[in-house]
PDB file of N, CA and C in Angstrom:
ATOM      1  N   MET A   1       0.815  -1.181   0.000  1.00  0.00           N
ATOM      2  CA  MET A   1       0.000   0.000   0.000  1.00  0.00           C
ATOM      3  C   MET A   1       0.867   1.257   0.000  1.00  0.00           C
ATOM      4  N   LYS A   2       1.981   1.199   0.733  1.00  0.00           N
ATOM      5  CA  LYS A   2       2.867   2.363   0.777  1.00  0.00           C
ATOM      6  C   LYS A   2       3.489   2.619  -0.593  1.00  0.00           C
ATOM      7  N   GLN A   3       3.797   1.536  -1.303  1.00  0.00           N
ATOM      8  CA  GLN A   3       4.368   1.709  -2.641  1.00  0.00           C
ATOM      9  C   GLN A   3       3.368   2.373  -3.571  1.00  0.00           C
ATOM     10  N   PHE A   4       2.112   1.950  -3.499  1.00  0.00           N
ATOM     11  CA  PHE A   4       1.080   2.538  -4.348  1.00  0.00           C
ATOM     12  C   PHE A   4       0.896   4.025  -4.035  1.00  0.00           C
ATOM     13  N   LEU A   5       0.902   4.382  -2.749  1.00  0.00           N
ATOM     14  CA  LEU A   5       0.772   5.788  -2.374  1.00  0.00           C
ATOM     15  C   LEU A   5       1.986   6.605  -2.815  1.00  0.00           C
ATOM     16  N   THR A   6       3.152   5.985  -2.793  1.00  0.00           N
ATOM     17  CA  THR A   6       4.351   6.669  -3.266  1.00  0.00           C
ATOM     18  C   THR A   6       4.277   6.911  -4.769  1.00  0.00           C
ATOM     19  N   ILE A   7       3.793   5.926  -5.508  1.00  0.00           N
ATOM     20  CA  ILE A   7       3.629   6.085  -6.958  1.00  0.00           C
ATOM     21  C   ILE A   7       2.606   7.174  -7.251  1.00  0.00           C
ATOM     22  N   LEU A   8       1.531   7.208  -6.486  1.00  0.00           N
ATOM     23  CA  LEU A   8       0.530   8.260  -6.680  1.00  0.00           C
ATOM     24  C   LEU A   8       1.085   9.646  -6.361  1.00  0.00           C
ATOM     25  N   SER A   9       1.975   9.737  -5.392  1.00  0.00           N
ATOM     26  CA  SER A   9       2.580  11.039  -5.101  1.00  0.00           C
ATOM     27  C   SER A   9       3.497  11.485  -6.237  1.00  0.00           C
ATOM     28  N   PHE A  10       4.096  10.538  -6.950  1.00  0.00           N
ATOM     29  CA  PHE A  10       4.889  10.888  -8.134  1.00  0.00           C
ATOM     30  C   PHE A  10       3.972  11.327  -9.269  1.00  0.00           C
ATOM     31  N   TYR A  11       2.833  10.662  -9.424  1.00  0.00           N
ATOM     32  CA  TYR A  11       1.913  10.911 -10.534  1.00  0.00           C
ATOM     33  C   TYR A  11       1.072  12.171 -10.335  1.00  0.00           C
ATOM     34  N   LYS A  12       0.906  12.605  -9.109  1.00  0.00           N
ATOM     35  CA  LYS A  12       0.008  13.718  -8.786  1.00  0.00           C
ATOM     36  C   LYS A  12       0.278  14.996  -9.585  1.00  0.00           C
ATOM     37  N   PRO A  13       1.501  15.477  -9.717  1.00  0.00           N
ATOM     38  CA  PRO A  13       1.707  16.705 -10.499  1.00  0.00           C
ATOM     39  C   PRO A  13       1.406  16.542 -11.986  1.00  0.00           C
ATOM     40  N   TYR A  14       1.501  15.335 -12.480  1.00  0.00           N
ATOM     41  CA  TYR A  14       1.259  15.092 -13.904  1.00  0.00           C
ATOM     42  C   TYR A  14      -0.200  14.752 -14.190  1.00  0.00           C
ATOM     43  N   PHE A  15      -0.982  14.556 -13.130  1.00  0.00           N
ATOM     44  CA  PHE A  15      -2.388  14.188 -13.288  1.00  0.00           C
ATOM     45  C   PHE A  15      -3.178  15.286 -13.997  1.00  0.00           C
ATOM     46  N   TYR A  16      -2.926  16.541 -13.666  1.00  0.00           N
ATOM     47  CA  TYR A  16      -3.664  17.649 -14.278  1.00  0.00           C
ATOM     48  C   TYR A  16      -3.376  17.731 -15.772  1.00  0.00           C
ATOM     49  N   TRP A  17      -2.122  17.567 -16.145  1.00  0.00           N
ATOM     50  CA  TRP A  17      -1.768  17.565 -17.567  1.00  0.00           C
ATOM     51  C   TRP A  17      -2.361  16.362 -18.270  1.00  0.00           C
ATOM     52  N   SER A  18      -2.444  15.268 -17.586  1.00  0.00           N
ATOM     53  CA  SER A  18      -3.046  14.074 -18.152  1.00  0.00           C
ATOM     54  C   SER A  18      -4.539  14.295 -18.404  1.00  0.00           C
ATOM     55  N   CYS A  19      -5.203  14.974 -17.476  1.00  0.00           N
ATOM     56  CA  CYS A  19      -6.630  15.276 -17.668  1.00  0.00           C
ATOM     57  C   CYS A  19      -6.841  16.180 -18.875  1.00  0.00           C
ATOM     58  N   VAL A  20      -5.995  17.173 -19.034  1.00  0.00           N
ATOM     59  CA  VAL A  20      -6.097  18.065 -20.192  1.00  0.00           C
ATOM     60  C   VAL A  20      -5.872  17.278 -21.484  1.00  0.00           C
ATOM     61  N   ALA A  21      -4.871  16.409 -21.488  1.00  0.00           N
ATOM     62  CA  ALA A  21      -4.602  15.588 -22.679  1.00  0.00           C
ATOM     63  C   ALA A  21      -5.758  14.631 -22.952  1.00  0.00           C
ATOM     64  N   THR A  22      -6.338  14.060 -21.906  1.00  0.00           N
ATOM     65  CA  THR A  22      -7.468  13.150 -22.081  1.00  0.00           C
ATOM     66  C   THR A  22      -8.675  13.887 -22.657  1.00  0.00           C
ATOM     67  N   LEU A  23      -8.944  15.072 -22.154  1.00  0.00           N
ATOM     68  CA  LEU A  23     -10.055  15.858 -22.706  1.00  0.00           C
ATOM     69  C   LEU A  23      -9.808  16.218 -24.167  1.00  0.00           C
ATOM     70  N   GLY A  24      -8.575  16.560 -24.492  1.00  0.00           N
ATOM     71  CA  GLY A  24      -8.235  16.839 -25.891  1.00  0.00           C
ATOM     72  C   GLY A  24      -8.416  15.625 -26.778  1.00  0.00           C
ATOM     73  N   ILE A  25      -8.028  14.479 -26.286  1.00  0.00           N
ATOM     74  CA  ILE A  25      -8.186  13.234 -27.053  1.00  0.00           C
ATOM     75  C   ILE A  25      -9.667  12.924 -27.258  1.00  0.00           C
ATOM     76  N   ILE A  26     -10.461  13.120 -26.204  1.00  0.00           N
ATOM     77  CA  ILE A  26     -11.899  12.844 -26.303  1.00  0.00           C
ATOM     78  C   ILE A  26     -12.557  13.754 -27.332  1.00  0.00           C
ATOM     79  N   VAL A  27     -12.142  15.006 -27.368  1.00  0.00           N
ATOM     80  CA  VAL A  27     -12.739  15.963 -28.311  1.00  0.00           C
ATOM     81  C   VAL A  27     -12.266  15.707 -29.741  1.00  0.00           C
ATOM     82  N   LEU A  28     -10.981  15.460 -29.930  1.00  0.00           N
ATOM     83  CA  LEU A  28     -10.436  15.352 -31.285  1.00  0.00           C
ATOM     84  C   LEU A  28     -10.684  13.993 -31.938  1.00  0.00           C
ATOM     85  N   PHE A  29     -10.319  12.925 -31.279  1.00  0.00           N
ATOM     86  CA  PHE A  29     -10.502  11.588 -31.857  1.00  0.00           C
ATOM     87  C   PHE A  29     -10.742  10.582 -30.737  1.00  0.00           C
ATOM     88  N   PRO A  30     -12.017  10.363 -30.423  1.00  0.00           N
ATOM     89  CA  PRO A  30     -12.341   9.507 -29.275  1.00  0.00           C
ATOM     90  C   PRO A  30     -12.275   8.006 -29.564  1.00  0.00           C
ATOM     91  N   SER A  31     -11.104   7.522 -29.894  1.00  0.00           N
ATOM     92  CA  SER A  31     -10.924   6.079 -30.047  1.00  0.00           C
ATOM     93  C   SER A  31      -9.845   5.622 -29.073  1.00  0.00           C
ATOM     94  N   ILE A  32      -9.984   4.412 -28.606  1.00  0.00           N
ATOM     95  CA  ILE A  32      -9.062   3.909 -27.590  1.00  0.00           C
ATOM     96  C   ILE A  32      -7.650   3.753 -28.149  1.00  0.00           C
ATOM     97  N   GLN A  33      -7.533   3.314 -29.401  1.00  0.00           N
ATOM     98  CA  GLN A  33      -6.207   3.125 -29.995  1.00  0.00           C
ATOM     99  C   GLN A  33      -5.465   4.453 -30.110  1.00  0.00           C
ATOM    100  N   ALA A  34      -6.154   5.483 -30.565  1.00  0.00           N
ATOM    101  CA  ALA A  34      -5.517   6.799 -30.683  1.00  0.00           C
ATOM    102  C   ALA A  34      -5.137   7.344 -29.309  1.00  0.00           C
ATOM    103  N   ALA A  35      -5.977   7.100 -28.316  1.00  0.00           N
ATOM    104  CA  ALA A  35      -5.685   7.570 -26.967  1.00  0.00           C
ATOM    105  C   ALA A  35      -4.453   6.877 -26.395  1.00  0.00           C
ATOM    106  N   VAL A  36      -4.357   5.573 -26.605  1.00  0.00           N
ATOM    107  CA  VAL A  36      -3.204   4.832 -26.077  1.00  0.00           C
ATOM    108  C   VAL A  36      -1.916   5.297 -26.756  1.00  0.00           C
ATOM    109  N   ILE A  37      -1.951   5.468 -28.062  1.00  0.00           N
ATOM    110  CA  ILE A  37      -0.756   5.928 -28.793  1.00  0.00           C
ATOM    111  C   ILE A  37      -0.351   7.327 -28.338  1.00  0.00           C
ATOM    112  N   THR A  38      -1.327   8.205 -28.182  1.00  0.00           N
ATOM    113  CA  THR A  38      -1.034   9.565 -27.738  1.00  0.00           C
ATOM    114  C   THR A  38      -0.464   9.584 -26.333  1.00  0.00           C
ATOM    115  N   LYS A  39      -1.042   8.806 -25.439  1.00  0.00           N
ATOM    116  CA  LYS A  39      -0.544   8.759 -24.062  1.00  0.00           C
ATOM    117  C   LYS A  39       0.863   8.161 -23.994  1.00  0.00           C
ATOM    118  N   LEU A  40       1.138   7.151 -24.798  1.00  0.00           N
ATOM    119  CA  LEU A  40       2.494   6.594 -24.816  1.00  0.00           C
ATOM    120  C   LEU A  40       3.499   7.609 -25.330  1.00  0.00           C
ATOM    121  N   LEU A  41       3.107   8.405 -26.305  1.00  0.00           N
ATOM    122  CA  LEU A  41       3.978   9.477 -26.792  1.00  0.00           C
ATOM    123  C   LEU A  41       4.225  10.506 -25.697  1.00  0.00           C
ATOM    124  N   LEU A  42       3.185  10.857 -24.960  1.00  0.00           N
ATOM    125  CA  LEU A  42       3.349  11.824 -23.876  1.00  0.00           C
ATOM    126  C   LEU A  42       4.218  11.276 -22.748  1.00  0.00           C
ATOM    127  N   ILE A  43       4.096   9.994 -22.463  1.00  0.00           N
ATOM    128  CA  ILE A  43       4.944   9.384 -21.437  1.00  0.00           C
ATOM    129  C   ILE A  43       6.399   9.367 -21.898  1.00  0.00           C
ATOM    130  N   TRP A  44       6.612   9.116 -23.178  1.00  0.00           N
ATOM    131  CA  TRP A  44       7.976   9.149 -23.715  1.00  0.00           C
ATOM    132  C   TRP A  44       8.568  10.554 -23.584  1.00  0.00           C
ATOM    133  N   LEU A  45       7.757  11.589 -23.866  1.00  0.00           N
ATOM    134  CA  LEU A  45       8.223  12.965 -23.698  1.00  0.00           C
ATOM    135  C   LEU A  45       8.519  13.270 -22.228  1.00  0.00           C
ATOM    136  N   LEU A  46       7.692  12.759 -21.328  1.00  0.00           N
ATOM    137  CA  LEU A  46       7.948  12.936 -19.898  1.00  0.00           C
ATOM    138  C   LEU A  46       9.249  12.261 -19.500  1.00  0.00           C
ATOM    139  N   TRP A  47       9.485  11.065 -20.014  1.00  0.00           N
ATOM    140  CA  TRP A  47      10.718  10.330 -19.727  1.00  0.00           C
ATOM    141  C   TRP A  47      11.944  11.145 -20.171  1.00  0.00           C
ATOM    142  N   ASN A  48      11.874  11.709 -21.387  1.00  0.00           N
ATOM    143  CA  ASN A  48      12.981  12.537 -21.867  1.00  0.00           C
ATOM    144  C   ASN A  48      13.150  13.785 -21.021  1.00  0.00           C
ATOM    145  N   PHE A  49      12.052  14.402 -20.625  1.00  0.00           N
ATOM    146  CA  PHE A  49      12.119  15.587 -19.780  1.00  0.00           C
ATOM    147  C   PHE A  49      12.777  15.269 -18.450  1.00  0.00           C
ATOM    148  N   LEU A  50      12.383  14.160 -17.842  1.00  0.00           N
ATOM    149  CA  LEU A  50      12.946  13.800 -16.536  1.00  0.00           C
ATOM    150  C   LEU A  50      14.410  13.407 -16.628  1.00  0.00           C
ATOM    151  N   ASN A  51      14.832  12.855 -17.743  1.00  0.00           N
ATOM    152  CA  ASN A  51      16.219  12.432 -17.874  1.00  0.00           C
ATOM    153  C   ASN A  51      17.163  13.556 -18.281  1.00  0.00           C
ATOM    154  N   ARG A  52      16.656  14.571 -18.955  1.00  0.00           N
ATOM    155  CA  ARG A  52      17.535  15.587 -19.521  1.00  0.00           C
ATOM    156  C   ARG A  52      17.513  16.933 -18.805  1.00  0.00           C
ATOM    157  N   THR A  53      16.704  17.078 -17.792  1.00  0.00           N
ATOM    158  CA  THR A  53      16.642  18.349 -17.086  1.00  0.00           C
ATOM    159  C   THR A  53      16.984  18.141 -15.616  1.00  0.00           C
ATOM    160  N   LYS A  54      16.852  19.209 -14.863  1.00  0.00           N
ATOM    161  CA  LYS A  54      17.146  19.118 -13.431  1.00  0.00           C
ATOM    162  C   LYS A  54      16.035  18.421 -12.659  1.00  0.00           C
ATOM    163  N   ALA A  55      14.955  18.061 -13.349  1.00  0.00           N
ATOM    164  CA  ALA A  55      13.880  17.302 -12.707  1.00  0.00           C
ATOM    165  C   ALA A  55      14.346  15.895 -12.362  1.00  0.00           C
ATOM    166  N   ARG A  56      15.516  15.530 -12.830  1.00  0.00           N
ATOM    167  CA  ARG A  56      16.108  14.225 -12.527  1.00  0.00           C
ATOM    168  C   ARG A  56      16.306  14.062 -11.022  1.00  0.00           C
ATOM    169  N   ARG A  57      16.488  15.169 -10.331  1.00  0.00           N
ATOM    170  CA  ARG A  57      16.680  15.108  -8.879  1.00  0.00           C
ATOM    171  C   ARG A  57      15.449  14.551  -8.178  1.00  0.00           C
ATOM    172  N   ARG A  58      14.289  14.825  -8.753  1.00  0.00           N
ATOM    173  CA  ARG A  58      13.053  14.295  -8.171  1.00  0.00           C
ATOM    174  C   ARG A  58      13.031  12.772  -8.259  1.00  0.00           C
ATOM    175  N   LEU A  59      13.576  12.243  -9.326  1.00  0.00           N
ATOM    176  CA  LEU A  59      13.640  10.786  -9.463  1.00  0.00           C
ATOM    177  C   LEU A  59      14.600  10.165  -8.461  1.00  0.00           C
ATOM    178  N   GLN A  60      15.630  10.902  -8.075  1.00  0.00           N
ATOM    179  CA  GLN A  60      16.595  10.372  -7.116  1.00  0.00           C
ATOM    180  C   GLN A  60      15.933  10.091  -5.770  1.00  0.00           C
ATOM    181  N   PHE A  61      14.959  10.924  -5.397  1.00  0.00           N
ATOM    182  CA  PHE A  61      14.237  10.687  -4.149  1.00  0.00           C
ATOM    183  C   PHE A  61      13.523   9.344  -4.189  1.00  0.00           C
ATOM    184  N   PHE A  62      12.864   9.049  -5.308  1.00  0.00           N
ATOM    185  CA  PHE A  62      12.142   7.794  -5.425  1.00  0.00           C
ATOM    186  C   PHE A  62      13.093   6.608  -5.558  1.00  0.00           C
ATOM    187  N   GLN A  63      14.268   6.833  -6.133  1.00  0.00           N
ATOM    188  CA  GLN A  63      15.251   5.760  -6.219  1.00  0.00           C
ATOM    189  C   GLN A  63      15.786   5.402  -4.829  1.00  0.00           C
ATOM    190  N   LYS A  64      15.891   6.393  -3.955  1.00  0.00           N
ATOM    191  CA  LYS A  64      16.320   6.102  -2.587  1.00  0.00           C
ATOM    192  C   LYS A  64      15.269   5.311  -1.823  1.00  0.00           C
ATOM    193  N   LEU A  65      14.013   5.435  -2.231  1.00  0.00           N
ATOM    194  CA  LEU A  65      12.943   4.656  -1.612  1.00  0.00           C
ATOM    195  C   LEU A  65      12.845   3.249  -2.165  1.00  0.00           C
ATOM    196  N   GLY A  66      13.645   2.948  -3.201  1.00  0.00           N
ATOM    197  CA  GLY A  66      13.678   1.601  -3.744  1.00  0.00           C
ATOM    198  C   GLY A  66      12.942   1.423  -5.060  1.00  0.00           C
ATOM    199  N   PHE A  67      12.561   2.512  -5.701  1.00  0.00           N
ATOM    200  CA  PHE A  67      11.873   2.440  -6.994  1.00  0.00           C
ATOM    201  C   PHE A  67      12.861   2.694  -8.112  1.00  0.00           C
ATOM    202  N   SER A  68      12.849   1.827  -9.095  1.00  0.00           N
ATOM    203  CA  SER A  68      13.661   2.102 -10.273  1.00  0.00           C
ATOM    204  C   SER A  68      12.881   3.054 -11.176  1.00  0.00           C
ATOM    205  N   ARG A  69      13.570   3.694 -12.087  1.00  0.00           N
ATOM    206  CA  ARG A  69      12.888   4.606 -13.013  1.00  0.00           C
ATOM    207  C   ARG A  69      11.856   3.869 -13.849  1.00  0.00           C
ATOM    208  N   MET A  70      12.219   2.663 -14.267  1.00  0.00           N
ATOM    209  CA  MET A  70      11.320   1.880 -15.114  1.00  0.00           C
ATOM    210  C   MET A  70      10.054   1.499 -14.353  1.00  0.00           C
ATOM    211  N   LYS A  71      10.197   1.084 -13.111  1.00  0.00           N
ATOM    212  CA  LYS A  71       9.029   0.699 -12.307  1.00  0.00           C
ATOM    213  C   LYS A  71       8.126   1.901 -12.065  1.00  0.00           C
ATOM    214  N   LEU A  72       8.723   3.039 -11.804  1.00  0.00           N
ATOM    215  CA  LEU A  72       7.959   4.250 -11.531  1.00  0.00           C
ATOM    216  C   LEU A  72       7.177   4.703 -12.757  1.00  0.00           C
ATOM    217  N   LEU A  73       7.838   4.754 -13.893  1.00  0.00           N
ATOM    218  CA  LEU A  73       7.154   5.222 -15.101  1.00  0.00           C
ATOM    219  C   LEU A  73       6.197   4.182 -15.661  1.00  0.00           C
ATOM    220  N   SER A  74       6.508   2.908 -15.536  1.00  0.00           N
ATOM    221  CA  SER A  74       5.574   1.897 -16.039  1.00  0.00           C
ATOM    222  C   SER A  74       4.300   1.875 -15.196  1.00  0.00           C
ATOM    223  N   SER A  75       4.423   2.048 -13.907  1.00  0.00           N
ATOM    224  CA  SER A  75       3.221   2.121 -13.084  1.00  0.00           C
ATOM    225  C   SER A  75       2.435   3.396 -13.371  1.00  0.00           C
ATOM    226  N   THR A  76       3.128   4.469 -13.677  1.00  0.00           N
ATOM    227  CA  THR A  76       2.456   5.705 -14.065  1.00  0.00           C
ATOM    228  C   THR A  76       1.698   5.512 -15.368  1.00  0.00           C
ATOM    229  N   VAL A  77       2.282   4.803 -16.312  1.00  0.00           N
ATOM    230  CA  VAL A  77       1.618   4.523 -17.585  1.00  0.00           C
ATOM    231  C   VAL A  77       0.357   3.703 -17.352  1.00  0.00           C
ATOM    232  N   ILE A  78       0.438   2.701 -16.513  1.00  0.00           N
ATOM    233  CA  ILE A  78      -0.724   1.849 -16.251  1.00  0.00           C
ATOM    234  C   ILE A  78      -1.851   2.645 -15.605  1.00  0.00           C
ATOM    235  N   ILE A  79      -1.535   3.459 -14.610  1.00  0.00           N
ATOM    236  CA  ILE A  79      -2.556   4.281 -13.953  1.00  0.00           C
ATOM    237  C   ILE A  79      -3.166   5.257 -14.945  1.00  0.00           C
ATOM    238  N   ASP A  80      -2.324   5.889 -15.741  1.00  0.00           N
ATOM    239  CA  ASP A  80      -2.797   6.883 -16.695  1.00  0.00           C
ATOM    240  C   ASP A  80      -3.664   6.252 -17.786  1.00  0.00           C
ATOM    241  N   LEU A  81      -3.260   5.096 -18.288  1.00  0.00           N
ATOM    242  CA  LEU A  81      -4.062   4.439 -19.322  1.00  0.00           C
ATOM    243  C   LEU A  81      -5.389   3.938 -18.770  1.00  0.00           C
ATOM    244  N   CYS A  82      -5.404   3.466 -17.542  1.00  0.00           N
ATOM    245  CA  CYS A  82      -6.677   3.052 -16.933  1.00  0.00           C
ATOM    246  C   CYS A  82      -7.618   4.251 -16.810  1.00  0.00           C
ATOM    247  N   PHE A  83      -7.086   5.366 -16.387  1.00  0.00           N
ATOM    248  CA  PHE A  83      -7.900   6.582 -16.275  1.00  0.00           C
ATOM    249  C   PHE A  83      -8.420   7.016 -17.645  1.00  0.00           C
ATOM    250  N   THR A  84      -7.565   7.024 -18.648  1.00  0.00           N
ATOM    251  CA  THR A  84      -7.947   7.473 -19.981  1.00  0.00           C
ATOM    252  C   THR A  84      -8.978   6.555 -20.618  1.00  0.00           C
ATOM    253  N   ILE A  85      -8.743   5.263 -20.536  1.00  0.00           N
ATOM    254  CA  ILE A  85      -9.667   4.314 -21.159  1.00  0.00           C
ATOM    255  C   ILE A  85     -11.025   4.346 -20.460  1.00  0.00           C
ATOM    256  N   SER A  86     -11.033   4.458 -19.148  1.00  0.00           N
ATOM    257  CA  SER A  86     -12.320   4.527 -18.449  1.00  0.00           C
ATOM    258  C   SER A  86     -13.066   5.814 -18.794  1.00  0.00           C
ATOM    259  N   ALA A  87     -12.351   6.924 -18.932  1.00  0.00           N
ATOM    260  CA  ALA A  87     -13.002   8.178 -19.333  1.00  0.00           C
ATOM    261  C   ALA A  87     -13.562   8.067 -20.745  1.00  0.00           C
ATOM    262  N   LEU A  88     -12.827   7.442 -21.646  1.00  0.00           N
ATOM    263  CA  LEU A  88     -13.316   7.265 -23.018  1.00  0.00           C
ATOM    264  C   LEU A  88     -14.552   6.368 -23.068  1.00  0.00           C
ATOM    265  N   ILE A  89     -14.547   5.308 -22.294  1.00  0.00           N
ATOM    266  CA  ILE A  89     -15.700   4.406 -22.280  1.00  0.00           C
ATOM    267  C   ILE A  89     -16.933   5.116 -21.731  1.00  0.00           C
ATOM    268  N   ILE A  90     -16.756   5.898 -20.681  1.00  0.00           N
ATOM    269  CA  ILE A  90     -17.882   6.639 -20.110  1.00  0.00           C
ATOM    270  C   ILE A  90     -18.428   7.642 -21.103  1.00  0.00           C
ATOM    271  N   VAL A  91     -17.563   8.368 -21.785  1.00  0.00           N
ATOM    272  CA  VAL A  91     -18.008   9.365 -22.761  1.00  0.00           C
ATOM    273  C   VAL A  91     -18.702   8.687 -23.945  1.00  0.00           C
ATOM    274  N   LYS A  92     -18.175   7.574 -24.405  1.00  0.00           N
ATOM    275  CA  LYS A  92     -18.800   6.871 -25.530  1.00  0.00           C
ATOM    276  C   LYS A  92     -20.183   6.332 -25.171  1.00  0.00           C
ATOM    277  N   GLU A  93     -20.401   5.986 -23.934  1.00  0.00           N
ATOM    278  CA  GLU A  93     -21.706   5.496 -23.501  1.00  0.00           C
ATOM    279  C   GLU A  93     -22.771   6.584 -23.578  1.00  0.00           C
ATOM    280  N   PHE A  94     -22.382   7.807 -23.300  1.00  0.00           N
ATOM    281  CA  PHE A  94     -23.339   8.900 -23.258  1.00  0.00           C
ATOM    282  C   PHE A  94     -23.455   9.658 -24.562  1.00  0.00           C
ATOM    283  N   ILE A  95     -22.556   9.422 -25.495  1.00  0.00           N
ATOM    284  CA  ILE A  95     -22.627  10.130 -26.784  1.00  0.00           C
ATOM    285  C   ILE A  95     -23.139   9.209 -27.855  1.00  0.00           C
TER     286      ILE A  95
END
């Protein structure tokens, strides 16, 4: 449970941007395949941002807690894709 809460604390600042991207995906092309591809592209951009800027220091904190970069970002991808796919399914039901 502590690991899950730690992952959520890493994901929290990116959640707002994820919501904006999800809303954009829903408006522009509401298909699950396009949403997954777009989210994977955004995660790749986040990975590059975290590796090439001073935001890398934030990852060092999580590495001291025992999380590898891959585990942290892969769990973030899973949480984000679950959120996106569920939002798309809900919107498709009502439209």
